[in-house]
Amino acid sequence: MWVLTEECNEYYQYGEYFVMCWVEKPDYDELYKYIEEPTIGRKGAAADMIYIKWLHDTGGGRAKVEDNWYNFYEVME
């Protein structure tokens, strides 16, 4: 099972929150549907896809100093 979570590090911080899960690893387009702001301050579809590919292929996480970030990982039974 593949799980997508979101974290926030702003004034009102919260920990890791569940966003979505899949039985099999979703493709880039399916993952994109559940990401609110994939560009982390950048603009344009190319930047969006770079972020989605990074999230999909590496598991995401906090990259620099962004306030919101996503984690994507496989949960073993």
Protein backbone atom coordinates (compact mmCIF):
# COMPACT_ATOMS: atom_id res chain seq x y z
CA MET A 1 0.00 0.00 0.00
CA TRP A 2 1.26 3.50 -0.89
CA VAL A 3 0.50 6.42 1.41
CA LEU A 4 0.60 10.18 0.82
CA THR A 5 0.83 12.49 3.84
CA GLU A 6 1.24 16.24 4.29
CA GLU A 7 3.09 18.21 6.97
CA CYS A 8 3.04 21.88 7.89
CA ASN A 9 5.67 23.97 9.68
CA GLU A 10 4.04 27.37 10.10
CA TYR A 11 2.92 29.35 13.13
CA TYR A 12 0.19 26.81 13.84
CA GLN A 13 2.28 23.70 13.22
CA TYR A 14 0.84 20.27 12.79
CA GLY A 15 2.44 16.92 12.24
CA GLU A 16 2.02 14.36 9.52
CA TYR A 17 -1.57 14.15 8.24
CA PHE A 18 -3.02 11.45 6.01
CA VAL A 19 -4.00 12.61 2.49
CA MET A 20 -4.59 9.47 0.38
CA CYS A 21 -3.56 5.84 -0.06
CA TRP A 22 -3.40 3.41 -2.98
CA VAL A 23 -3.10 -0.37 -3.19
CA GLU A 24 -0.55 -0.06 -5.99
CA LYS A 25 1.89 2.77 -6.65
CA PRO A 26 0.02 5.52 -8.54
CA ASP A 27 1.41 7.21 -11.64
CA TYR A 28 2.43 10.88 -11.73
CA ASP A 29 -0.98 12.11 -12.90
CA GLU A 30 -2.86 10.28 -10.15
CA LEU A 31 -0.49 11.61 -7.48
CA TYR A 32 -0.81 15.16 -8.87
CA LYS A 33 -4.55 15.17 -8.12
CA TYR A 34 -3.88 15.19 -4.38
CA ILE A 35 -1.13 17.83 -4.20
CA GLU A 36 -2.40 21.33 -3.45
CA GLU A 37 0.68 23.42 -4.27
CA PRO A 38 3.27 21.24 -6.00
CA THR A 39 5.54 24.07 -7.15
CA ILE A 40 6.76 25.24 -3.70
CA GLY A 41 6.78 28.84 -4.87
CA ARG A 42 7.74 28.17 -8.49
CA LYS A 43 5.34 28.72 -11.37
CA GLY A 44 4.33 26.64 -14.35
CA ALA A 45 3.47 23.12 -15.40
CA ALA A 46 7.11 22.09 -15.93
CA ALA A 47 7.96 22.99 -12.32
CA ASP A 48 4.86 21.15 -11.12
CA MET A 49 5.92 17.97 -12.91
CA ILE A 50 9.48 18.22 -11.57
CA TYR A 51 8.06 18.31 -8.04
CA ILE A 52 5.62 15.46 -8.67
CA LYS A 53 8.39 13.28 -10.17
CA TRP A 54 10.65 14.04 -7.18
CA LEU A 55 7.85 13.14 -4.76
CA HIS A 56 6.92 9.99 -6.68
CA ASP A 57 10.47 8.73 -7.21
CA THR A 58 12.16 9.67 -3.91
CA GLY A 59 9.35 9.90 -1.35
CA GLY A 60 9.38 13.68 -1.02
CA GLY A 61 9.83 15.30 2.35
CA ARG A 62 11.07 18.74 3.23
CA ALA A 63 13.51 19.87 0.57
CA LYS A 64 14.60 23.33 1.77
CA VAL A 65 12.65 25.84 3.80
CA GLU A 66 9.12 25.35 2.48
CA ASP A 67 6.33 25.48 5.06
CA ASN A 68 4.25 22.65 3.60
CA TRP A 69 5.58 19.42 2.20
CA TYR A 70 4.45 15.92 1.27
CA ASN A 71 5.72 12.46 2.08
CA PHE A 72 5.03 9.47 -0.16
CA TYR A 73 5.98 5.98 0.94
CA GLU A 74 5.13 2.32 0.80
CA VAL A 75 3.68 0.59 3.85
CA MET A 76 4.55 -3.08 4.05
CA GLU A 77 2.05 -5.57 5.47
